[in-house]
Amino acid sequence: MNVKALNSTSVQVWWKPPNPQYVNGINQGYKIQAWRGETVSRIVAVPPSLFDSIAKQTTVVTNLEKYTEYNMTVLCFTNPGDGPTSNPILVRTEEDSERKFKIL
């Protein structure tokens, strides 16, 4: 899994799906989790690719807090339940840039 802050409230996430042979049941999609401290503050569900089930996938997680550190994980889910989560990756949303003009 890779993550990159896009702006002050959005992060792009990329991941490689698990090998279909190791998925217990039919892959229903992926859950991207973002949390601060002990509390998950955002979960985004993403459907699996219909074209290539093992191709790298990506999504954008929005509505995050400005200039805030989040741990991000991804997991595959099926009808029997959630699979194991990836190792968390720490990312910080960007700071809003405020332009200050100097009056001459």
N, C-alpha and C. Protein backbone atom coordinates (compact mmCIF):
# COMPACT_ATOMS: atom_id res chain seq x y z
N MET A 1 0.84 -1.17 0.00
CA MET A 1 0.00 0.00 0.00
C MET A 1 0.89 1.24 0.00
N ASN A 2 0.46 2.25 -0.76
CA ASN A 2 1.14 3.54 -0.79
C ASN A 2 0.10 4.63 -0.57
N VAL A 3 0.51 5.73 0.03
CA VAL A 3 -0.39 6.86 0.24
C VAL A 3 0.34 8.16 -0.08
N LYS A 4 -0.45 9.17 -0.50
CA LYS A 4 0.12 10.48 -0.78
C LYS A 4 -0.95 11.53 -0.51
N ALA A 5 -0.59 12.54 0.27
CA ALA A 5 -1.51 13.65 0.50
C ALA A 5 -1.66 14.44 -0.79
N LEU A 6 -2.91 14.71 -1.18
CA LEU A 6 -3.18 15.48 -2.40
C LEU A 6 -3.40 16.95 -2.09
N ASN A 7 -4.04 17.21 -0.94
CA ASN A 7 -4.30 18.59 -0.52
C ASN A 7 -4.57 18.57 0.98
N SER A 8 -5.23 19.59 1.50
CA SER A 8 -5.42 19.69 2.95
C SER A 8 -6.49 18.74 3.49
N THR A 9 -7.31 18.13 2.63
CA THR A 9 -8.37 17.26 3.12
C THR A 9 -8.48 15.93 2.38
N SER A 10 -7.55 15.64 1.46
CA SER A 10 -7.63 14.42 0.65
C SER A 10 -6.30 13.69 0.56
N VAL A 11 -6.39 12.36 0.53
CA VAL A 11 -5.22 11.50 0.42
C VAL A 11 -5.51 10.45 -0.65
N GLN A 12 -4.54 10.19 -1.54
CA GLN A 12 -4.70 9.12 -2.52
C GLN A 12 -4.04 7.87 -1.97
N VAL A 13 -4.70 6.73 -2.19
CA VAL A 13 -4.23 5.44 -1.68
C VAL A 13 -4.14 4.47 -2.86
N TRP A 14 -3.02 3.73 -2.95
CA TRP A 14 -2.84 2.68 -3.94
C TRP A 14 -2.56 1.38 -3.20
N TRP A 15 -3.06 0.26 -3.73
CA TRP A 15 -2.78 -1.04 -3.13
C TRP A 15 -2.84 -2.13 -4.18
N LYS A 16 -2.20 -3.23 -3.90
CA LYS A 16 -2.24 -4.41 -4.75
C LYS A 16 -3.19 -5.40 -4.09
N PRO A 17 -4.22 -5.85 -4.82
CA PRO A 17 -5.17 -6.80 -4.24
C PRO A 17 -4.49 -8.12 -3.87
N PRO A 18 -5.09 -8.85 -2.92
CA PRO A 18 -4.52 -10.16 -2.56
C PRO A 18 -4.73 -11.16 -3.69
N ASN A 19 -3.93 -12.18 -3.69
CA ASN A 19 -4.09 -13.27 -4.64
C ASN A 19 -5.48 -13.88 -4.44
N PRO A 20 -6.30 -14.00 -5.49
CA PRO A 20 -7.66 -14.55 -5.35
C PRO A 20 -7.70 -15.94 -4.71
N GLN A 21 -6.63 -16.71 -4.85
CA GLN A 21 -6.60 -18.05 -4.25
C GLN A 21 -6.62 -18.00 -2.73
N TYR A 22 -6.20 -16.86 -2.16
CA TYR A 22 -6.13 -16.74 -0.70
C TYR A 22 -7.30 -15.95 -0.10
N VAL A 23 -8.28 -15.60 -0.93
CA VAL A 23 -9.45 -14.86 -0.44
C VAL A 23 -10.51 -15.87 -0.04
N ASN A 24 -11.00 -15.75 1.20
CA ASN A 24 -12.03 -16.66 1.72
C ASN A 24 -13.41 -16.19 1.25
N GLY A 25 -13.89 -16.72 0.14
CA GLY A 25 -15.18 -16.30 -0.41
C GLY A 25 -14.96 -15.43 -1.64
N ILE A 26 -16.00 -14.71 -2.02
CA ILE A 26 -15.94 -13.83 -3.19
C ILE A 26 -15.58 -12.42 -2.72
N ASN A 27 -14.57 -11.85 -3.35
CA ASN A 27 -14.12 -10.50 -3.00
C ASN A 27 -15.26 -9.51 -3.26
N GLN A 28 -15.72 -8.85 -2.20
CA GLN A 28 -16.79 -7.85 -2.31
C GLN A 28 -16.23 -6.44 -2.45
N GLY A 29 -14.94 -6.28 -2.15
CA GLY A 29 -14.32 -4.96 -2.24
C GLY A 29 -13.27 -4.77 -1.19
N TYR A 30 -12.93 -3.49 -1.00
CA TYR A 30 -11.86 -3.12 -0.08
C TYR A 30 -12.34 -2.01 0.84
N LYS A 31 -11.83 -2.01 2.04
CA LYS A 31 -12.12 -0.94 3.00
C LYS A 31 -10.81 -0.21 3.27
N ILE A 32 -10.83 1.08 3.01
CA ILE A 32 -9.70 1.94 3.34
C ILE A 32 -10.07 2.61 4.66
N GLN A 33 -9.22 2.46 5.66
CA GLN A 33 -9.48 3.03 6.98
C GLN A 33 -8.46 4.12 7.29
N ALA A 34 -8.95 5.22 7.81
CA ALA A 34 -8.08 6.32 8.24
C ALA A 34 -8.40 6.59 9.70
N TRP A 35 -7.39 6.69 10.54
CA TRP A 35 -7.64 6.99 11.95
C TRP A 35 -6.52 7.82 12.55
N ARG A 36 -6.94 8.50 13.63
CA ARG A 36 -6.03 9.28 14.47
C ARG A 36 -6.13 8.69 15.86
N GLY A 37 -5.01 8.46 16.48
CA GLY A 37 -5.05 7.87 17.82
C GLY A 37 -5.67 6.48 17.76
N GLU A 38 -6.69 6.26 18.56
CA GLU A 38 -7.35 4.96 18.62
C GLU A 38 -8.67 4.91 17.86
N THR A 39 -9.10 6.03 17.29
CA THR A 39 -10.43 6.11 16.70
C THR A 39 -10.38 6.16 15.18
N VAL A 40 -11.06 5.20 14.52
CA VAL A 40 -11.17 5.24 13.06
C VAL A 40 -12.11 6.39 12.73
N SER A 41 -11.62 7.35 11.95
CA SER A 41 -12.42 8.53 11.66
C SER A 41 -13.02 8.50 10.26
N ARG A 42 -12.55 7.60 9.42
CA ARG A 42 -13.07 7.55 8.05
C ARG A 42 -12.85 6.16 7.49
N ILE A 43 -13.92 5.57 6.90
CA ILE A 43 -13.83 4.29 6.19
C ILE A 43 -14.42 4.51 4.81
N VAL A 44 -13.67 4.12 3.79
CA VAL A 44 -14.14 4.24 2.41
C VAL A 44 -14.17 2.83 1.82
N ALA A 45 -15.33 2.41 1.30
CA ALA A 45 -15.45 1.12 0.64
C ALA A 45 -15.24 1.31 -0.86
N VAL A 46 -14.44 0.43 -1.45
CA VAL A 46 -14.12 0.50 -2.87
C VAL A 46 -14.42 -0.86 -3.50
N PRO A 47 -15.20 -0.90 -4.58
CA PRO A 47 -15.48 -2.19 -5.22
C PRO A 47 -14.23 -2.74 -5.90
N PRO A 48 -14.15 -4.07 -6.06
CA PRO A 48 -13.00 -4.64 -6.77
C PRO A 48 -13.08 -4.29 -8.26
N SER A 49 -11.94 -4.32 -8.92
CA SER A 49 -11.89 -4.06 -10.36
C SER A 49 -12.61 -5.18 -11.10
N LEU A 50 -13.47 -4.82 -12.02
CA LEU A 50 -14.17 -5.82 -12.84
C LEU A 50 -13.32 -6.28 -14.01
N PHE A 51 -12.28 -5.51 -14.34
CA PHE A 51 -11.46 -5.81 -15.50
C PHE A 51 -10.26 -6.68 -15.18
N ASP A 52 -9.64 -6.43 -14.03
CA ASP A 52 -8.44 -7.18 -13.66
C ASP A 52 -8.38 -7.27 -12.14
N SER A 53 -8.71 -8.44 -11.62
CA SER A 53 -8.83 -8.60 -10.16
C SER A 53 -7.50 -8.54 -9.42
N ILE A 54 -6.39 -8.60 -10.14
CA ILE A 54 -5.09 -8.53 -9.45
C ILE A 54 -4.30 -7.27 -9.81
N ALA A 55 -4.91 -6.36 -10.58
CA ALA A 55 -4.23 -5.11 -10.93
C ALA A 55 -4.24 -4.15 -9.74
N LYS A 56 -3.21 -3.31 -9.65
CA LYS A 56 -3.12 -2.31 -8.60
C LYS A 56 -4.36 -1.42 -8.66
N GLN A 57 -4.93 -1.08 -7.51
CA GLN A 57 -6.11 -0.23 -7.44
C GLN A 57 -5.78 1.05 -6.70
N THR A 58 -6.61 2.06 -6.90
CA THR A 58 -6.40 3.34 -6.24
C THR A 58 -7.74 4.00 -5.94
N THR A 59 -7.74 4.85 -4.92
CA THR A 59 -8.91 5.65 -4.60
C THR A 59 -8.42 6.89 -3.85
N VAL A 60 -9.31 7.85 -3.73
CA VAL A 60 -9.01 9.07 -2.98
C VAL A 60 -9.93 9.12 -1.76
N VAL A 61 -9.33 9.29 -0.60
CA VAL A 61 -10.07 9.44 0.65
C VAL A 61 -10.20 10.95 0.89
N THR A 62 -11.45 11.42 1.00
CA THR A 62 -11.70 12.85 1.16
C THR A 62 -12.30 13.15 2.53
N ASN A 63 -12.57 14.42 2.76
CA ASN A 63 -13.18 14.90 4.00
C ASN A 63 -12.36 14.60 5.25
N LEU A 64 -11.04 14.68 5.10
CA LEU A 64 -10.16 14.53 6.25
C LEU A 64 -9.89 15.89 6.86
N GLU A 65 -9.35 15.90 8.06
CA GLU A 65 -9.02 17.16 8.74
C GLU A 65 -7.76 17.76 8.13
N LYS A 66 -7.70 19.07 8.12
CA LYS A 66 -6.56 19.78 7.56
C LYS A 66 -5.30 19.59 8.42
N TYR A 67 -4.18 19.43 7.74
CA TYR A 67 -2.86 19.32 8.36
C TYR A 67 -2.89 18.40 9.59
N THR A 68 -3.34 17.18 9.34
CA THR A 68 -3.52 16.20 10.41
C THR A 68 -2.88 14.88 10.01
N GLU A 69 -2.23 14.20 10.96
CA GLU A 69 -1.63 12.90 10.69
C GLU A 69 -2.69 11.81 10.83
N TYR A 70 -2.71 10.91 9.86
CA TYR A 70 -3.62 9.76 9.86
C TYR A 70 -2.82 8.49 9.62
N ASN A 71 -3.22 7.42 10.27
CA ASN A 71 -2.76 6.08 9.92
C ASN A 71 -3.76 5.56 8.90
N MET A 72 -3.26 4.95 7.83
CA MET A 72 -4.12 4.43 6.77
C MET A 72 -3.86 2.93 6.61
N THR A 73 -4.94 2.16 6.46
CA THR A 73 -4.82 0.73 6.16
C THR A 73 -5.84 0.37 5.09
N VAL A 74 -5.64 -0.78 4.48
CA VAL A 74 -6.60 -1.32 3.51
C VAL A 74 -6.82 -2.79 3.84
N LEU A 75 -8.03 -3.27 3.61
CA LEU A 75 -8.34 -4.69 3.78
C LEU A 75 -9.34 -5.11 2.72
N CYS A 76 -9.33 -6.38 2.41
CA CYS A 76 -10.29 -6.98 1.48
C CYS A 76 -11.44 -7.55 2.31
N PHE A 77 -12.69 -7.35 1.85
CA PHE A 77 -13.79 -7.95 2.58
C PHE A 77 -14.62 -8.85 1.67
N THR A 78 -15.22 -9.89 2.29
CA THR A 78 -16.05 -10.88 1.60
C THR A 78 -17.31 -11.07 2.43
N ASN A 79 -18.23 -11.90 1.94
CA ASN A 79 -19.44 -12.18 2.73
C ASN A 79 -19.13 -12.77 4.10
N PRO A 80 -18.14 -13.70 4.22
CA PRO A 80 -17.82 -14.20 5.56
C PRO A 80 -17.23 -13.16 6.50
N GLY A 81 -16.65 -12.07 5.96
CA GLY A 81 -16.10 -11.05 6.85
C GLY A 81 -14.89 -10.35 6.26
N ASP A 82 -14.26 -9.55 7.10
CA ASP A 82 -13.09 -8.77 6.70
C ASP A 82 -11.84 -9.62 6.73
N GLY A 83 -10.96 -9.39 5.76
CA GLY A 83 -9.65 -10.03 5.76
C GLY A 83 -8.69 -9.25 6.64
N PRO A 84 -7.45 -9.67 6.67
CA PRO A 84 -6.46 -8.96 7.49
C PRO A 84 -6.17 -7.58 6.93
N THR A 85 -5.86 -6.64 7.81
CA THR A 85 -5.52 -5.29 7.38
C THR A 85 -4.05 -5.22 6.99
N SER A 86 -3.75 -4.30 6.11
CA SER A 86 -2.36 -4.05 5.74
C SER A 86 -1.65 -3.38 6.91
N ASN A 87 -0.35 -3.30 6.82
CA ASN A 87 0.39 -2.53 7.82
C ASN A 87 0.00 -1.06 7.67
N PRO A 88 -0.18 -0.36 8.78
CA PRO A 88 -0.57 1.05 8.69
C PRO A 88 0.56 1.92 8.13
N ILE A 89 0.16 2.92 7.38
CA ILE A 89 1.10 3.92 6.85
C ILE A 89 0.65 5.28 7.36
N LEU A 90 1.60 6.04 7.87
CA LEU A 90 1.31 7.37 8.41
C LEU A 90 1.41 8.40 7.30
N VAL A 91 0.40 9.26 7.21
CA VAL A 91 0.38 10.33 6.22
C VAL A 91 -0.19 11.58 6.87
N ARG A 92 0.28 12.73 6.44
CA ARG A 92 -0.25 13.99 6.97
C ARG A 92 -0.89 14.74 5.81
N THR A 93 -2.13 15.20 6.02
CA THR A 93 -2.76 16.05 5.02
C THR A 93 -1.98 17.36 4.94
N GLU A 94 -2.10 18.03 3.81
CA GLU A 94 -1.32 19.24 3.62
C GLU A 94 -1.93 20.42 4.37
N GLU A 95 -1.09 21.45 4.51
CA GLU A 95 -1.52 22.70 5.11
C GLU A 95 -2.17 23.54 4.03
N ASP A 96 -3.22 24.28 4.37
CA ASP A 96 -3.79 25.22 3.41
C ASP A 96 -2.76 26.30 3.16
N SER A 97 -2.57 26.62 1.90
CA SER A 97 -1.63 27.70 1.61
C SER A 97 -2.38 29.01 1.53
N GLU A 98 -1.93 29.95 2.30
CA GLU A 98 -2.54 31.28 2.29
C GLU A 98 -1.53 32.22 1.67
N ARG A 99 -1.94 32.85 0.63
CA ARG A 99 -1.04 33.80 -0.03
C ARG A 99 -1.10 35.14 0.68
N LYS A 100 0.08 35.63 0.99
CA LYS A 100 0.17 36.92 1.65
C LYS A 100 0.88 37.87 0.68
N PHE A 101 0.28 38.97 0.45
CA PHE A 101 0.84 39.94 -0.49
C PHE A 101 1.45 41.09 0.29
N LYS A 102 2.59 41.50 -0.16
CA LYS A 102 3.27 42.62 0.46
C LYS A 102 2.90 43.89 -0.32
N ILE A 103 2.42 44.86 0.39
CA ILE A 103 2.05 46.13 -0.25
C ILE A 103 3.29 47.00 -0.29
N LEU A 104 3.62 47.45 -1.48
CA LEU A 104 4.82 48.29 -1.65
C LEU A 104 4.48 49.75 -1.58
